[in-house]
């Protein structure tokens, strides 16, 4: 490309295709599995992925609260998403440490599948009125599979509600 062509493109703002590519907004997600099911979280809500953790049982809590894990000298409440949704314990020691202001929460997961960037226009809203769908507000398609995005605020509300009842 000649200098005159480059200057001409700069003067008129580039090609239409170049402008469209610059305007695409992406969101980054951490895709993980819990047993056979896949879920996602916005990457900014994940602080750390931690393997081989000791979870310390605490009695008299709802069964989906598996206990606490010590991460860098701080206790993190460990939630078992499989127990919450399916009623069966997940046997693993892998934690997804969440990045939540003023809270220390970790999810018990089977594995991290991938970290991906998705164009915002490919994120689907969930409009179901089903009780379990309140834990999900959006979904994405990853490798031809519909993957639900967990709503951490709803999990926190459920946790607070259940602990207040104790």
Protein backbone atom coordinates (compact mmCIF):
# COMPACT_ATOMS: atom_id res chain seq x y z
CA UNK A 1 0.00 0.00 0.00
CA UNK A 2 1.35 3.39 -0.97
CA UNK A 3 1.79 6.24 1.51
CA UNK A 4 -0.83 8.30 -0.34
CA UNK A 5 -3.36 5.45 0.07
CA UNK A 6 -2.60 5.17 3.77
CA UNK A 7 -2.99 8.94 4.27
CA UNK A 8 -6.22 8.89 2.28
CA UNK A 9 -7.66 6.08 4.44
CA UNK A 10 -6.65 7.85 7.63
CA UNK A 11 -8.28 11.07 6.44
CA UNK A 12 -11.63 9.37 5.72
CA UNK A 13 -11.52 7.16 8.83
CA UNK A 14 -10.40 3.84 7.32
CA UNK A 15 -12.49 1.19 5.59
CA UNK A 16 -16.02 0.32 6.65
CA UNK A 17 -14.86 -3.20 7.53
CA UNK A 18 -11.99 -1.88 9.67
CA UNK A 19 -14.38 0.42 11.56
CA UNK A 20 -16.85 -2.42 12.17
CA UNK A 21 -14.08 -4.66 13.55
CA UNK A 22 -12.95 -1.91 15.92
CA UNK A 23 -16.51 -1.44 17.21
CA UNK A 24 -17.05 -5.08 18.24
CA UNK A 25 -17.16 -5.33 22.02
CA UNK A 26 -16.06 -8.57 23.65
CA UNK A 27 -16.57 -10.06 27.11
CA UNK A 28 -14.23 -12.64 28.59
CA UNK A 29 -15.60 -15.72 30.37
CA UNK A 30 -14.19 -18.59 32.39
CA UNK A 31 -15.95 -21.79 31.27
CA UNK A 32 -15.88 -24.59 33.83
CA UNK A 33 -17.53 -27.92 34.47
CA UNK A 34 -19.40 -29.20 37.48
CA UNK A 35 -19.67 -32.96 36.94
CA UNK A 36 -21.15 -33.26 33.42
CA UNK A 37 -22.56 -29.73 33.20
CA UNK A 38 -20.79 -26.65 31.89
CA UNK A 39 -21.18 -23.15 33.29
CA UNK A 40 -19.47 -19.82 32.76
CA UNK A 41 -18.61 -16.76 34.81
CA UNK A 42 -17.44 -13.37 33.61
CA UNK A 43 -13.64 -13.40 33.95
CA UNK A 44 -13.67 -10.29 36.15
CA UNK A 45 -15.64 -12.27 38.77
CA UNK A 46 -12.90 -14.93 39.05
CA UNK A 47 -9.88 -14.22 41.20
CA UNK A 48 -8.09 -17.55 41.12
CA UNK A 49 -8.32 -21.22 40.15
CA UNK A 50 -7.00 -23.43 42.91
CA UNK A 51 -6.33 -27.18 42.87
CA UNK A 52 -5.95 -29.77 45.67
CA UNK A 53 -7.66 -27.78 48.41
CA UNK A 54 -8.59 -28.98 51.86
CA UNK A 55 -12.21 -28.04 52.63
CA UNK A 56 -13.00 -27.85 56.35
CA UNK A 57 -16.50 -29.03 57.21
CA UNK A 58 -18.68 -26.79 59.37
CA UNK A 59 -21.76 -28.39 60.96
CA UNK A 60 -25.33 -27.04 60.93
CA UNK A 61 -25.08 -25.35 57.53
CA UNK A 62 -27.13 -26.07 54.40
CA UNK A 63 -25.69 -29.08 52.53
CA UNK A 64 -24.57 -27.01 49.52
CA UNK A 65 -22.20 -25.09 51.82
CA UNK A 66 -19.39 -27.59 52.01
CA UNK A 67 -17.33 -25.64 54.55
CA UNK A 68 -14.35 -23.33 54.38
CA UNK A 69 -11.03 -23.36 52.53
CA UNK A 70 -7.93 -21.49 53.61
CA UNK A 71 -6.56 -19.36 50.77
CA UNK A 72 -3.53 -17.23 51.61
CA UNK A 73 -4.52 -17.12 55.28
CA UNK A 74 -8.14 -16.10 54.63
CA UNK A 75 -11.21 -18.36 54.99
CA UNK A 76 -13.36 -18.74 51.88
CA UNK A 77 -16.86 -20.18 52.05
CA UNK A 78 -17.04 -23.15 49.66
CA UNK A 79 -20.29 -23.69 47.74
CA UNK A 80 -21.10 -26.96 45.99
CA UNK A 81 -23.09 -25.91 42.90
CA UNK A 82 -23.93 -29.52 42.07
CA UNK A 83 -25.47 -30.03 45.51
CA UNK A 84 -27.44 -26.80 45.12
CA UNK A 85 -28.83 -27.69 41.68
CA UNK A 86 -28.92 -31.50 41.62
CA UNK A 87 -28.85 -32.58 45.27
CA UNK A 88 -25.68 -34.69 44.95
CA UNK A 89 -22.23 -33.98 46.40
CA UNK A 90 -19.41 -33.11 44.02
CA UNK A 91 -16.28 -35.06 44.90
CA UNK A 92 -13.40 -32.77 43.93
CA UNK A 93 -10.84 -30.47 45.49
CA UNK A 94 -10.73 -27.82 42.74
CA UNK A 95 -11.97 -24.36 43.64
CA UNK A 96 -12.89 -21.32 41.62
CA UNK A 97 -12.07 -18.43 43.97
CA UNK A 98 -14.46 -15.56 43.24
CA UNK A 99 -13.58 -11.89 43.07
CA UNK A 100 -16.40 -10.35 45.08
CA UNK A 101 -15.99 -7.11 47.04
CA UNK A 102 -16.49 -7.62 50.79
CA UNK A 103 -17.06 -11.36 50.45
CA UNK A 104 -14.88 -14.46 50.29
CA UNK A 105 -16.57 -17.16 48.28
CA UNK A 106 -15.34 -20.17 46.29
CA UNK A 107 -17.17 -22.62 44.06
CA UNK A 108 -16.38 -26.31 44.08
CA UNK A 109 -15.86 -27.31 40.42
CA UNK A 110 -14.71 -30.34 38.44
CA UNK A 111 -12.42 -28.54 36.00
CA UNK A 112 -11.79 -25.33 34.09
CA UNK A 113 -12.60 -25.97 30.44
CA UNK A 114 -11.34 -22.74 28.87
CA UNK A 115 -11.17 -18.97 29.02
CA UNK A 116 -12.85 -17.36 26.02
CA UNK A 117 -13.73 -14.00 24.54
CA UNK A 118 -17.27 -13.72 23.15
CA UNK A 119 -18.73 -10.79 21.18
CA UNK A 120 -21.41 -9.12 23.29
CA UNK A 121 -23.99 -9.64 20.53
CA UNK A 122 -23.58 -13.44 20.93
CA UNK A 123 -24.64 -13.42 24.60
CA UNK A 124 -28.26 -14.51 25.02
CA UNK A 125 -30.64 -13.41 27.77
CA UNK A 126 -32.58 -16.05 29.65
CA UNK A 127 -36.22 -15.20 30.16
CA UNK A 128 -37.53 -18.37 31.81
CA UNK A 129 -39.59 -17.98 34.97
CA UNK A 130 -38.44 -21.37 36.30
CA UNK A 131 -37.11 -21.18 39.89
CA UNK A 132 -33.70 -22.64 39.00
CA UNK A 133 -33.27 -20.19 36.11
CA UNK A 134 -32.92 -17.32 38.58
CA UNK A 135 -29.33 -18.45 39.06
CA UNK A 136 -28.67 -17.70 35.38
CA UNK A 137 -29.39 -14.48 33.52
CA UNK A 138 -27.47 -15.11 30.32
CA UNK A 139 -26.11 -17.92 28.17
CA UNK A 140 -23.39 -18.32 25.55
CA UNK A 141 -22.69 -20.95 22.94
CA UNK A 142 -19.32 -22.64 23.45
CA UNK A 143 -18.27 -25.36 21.00
CA UNK A 144 -21.88 -25.82 19.89
CA UNK A 145 -23.11 -26.28 23.49
CA UNK A 146 -25.35 -23.84 25.31
CA UNK A 147 -23.48 -22.73 28.44
CA UNK A 148 -25.26 -20.87 31.22
CA UNK A 149 -23.62 -17.90 32.93
CA UNK A 150 -23.96 -18.09 36.71
CA UNK A 151 -25.43 -15.09 38.49
CA UNK A 152 -23.22 -14.72 41.56
CA UNK A 153 -25.52 -12.15 43.17
CA UNK A 154 -28.37 -14.68 43.24
CA UNK A 155 -26.06 -17.28 44.81
CA UNK A 156 -25.07 -14.76 47.48
CA UNK A 157 -28.72 -13.90 48.15
CA UNK A 158 -29.56 -17.59 48.56
CA UNK A 159 -26.59 -18.07 50.89
CA UNK A 160 -27.56 -15.08 53.06
CA UNK A 161 -31.21 -16.18 53.17
CA UNK A 162 -30.36 -19.76 54.17
CA UNK A 163 -27.85 -18.73 56.84
CA UNK A 164 -30.31 -16.26 58.38
CA UNK A 165 -32.77 -19.12 58.86
CA UNK A 166 -30.29 -21.11 60.95
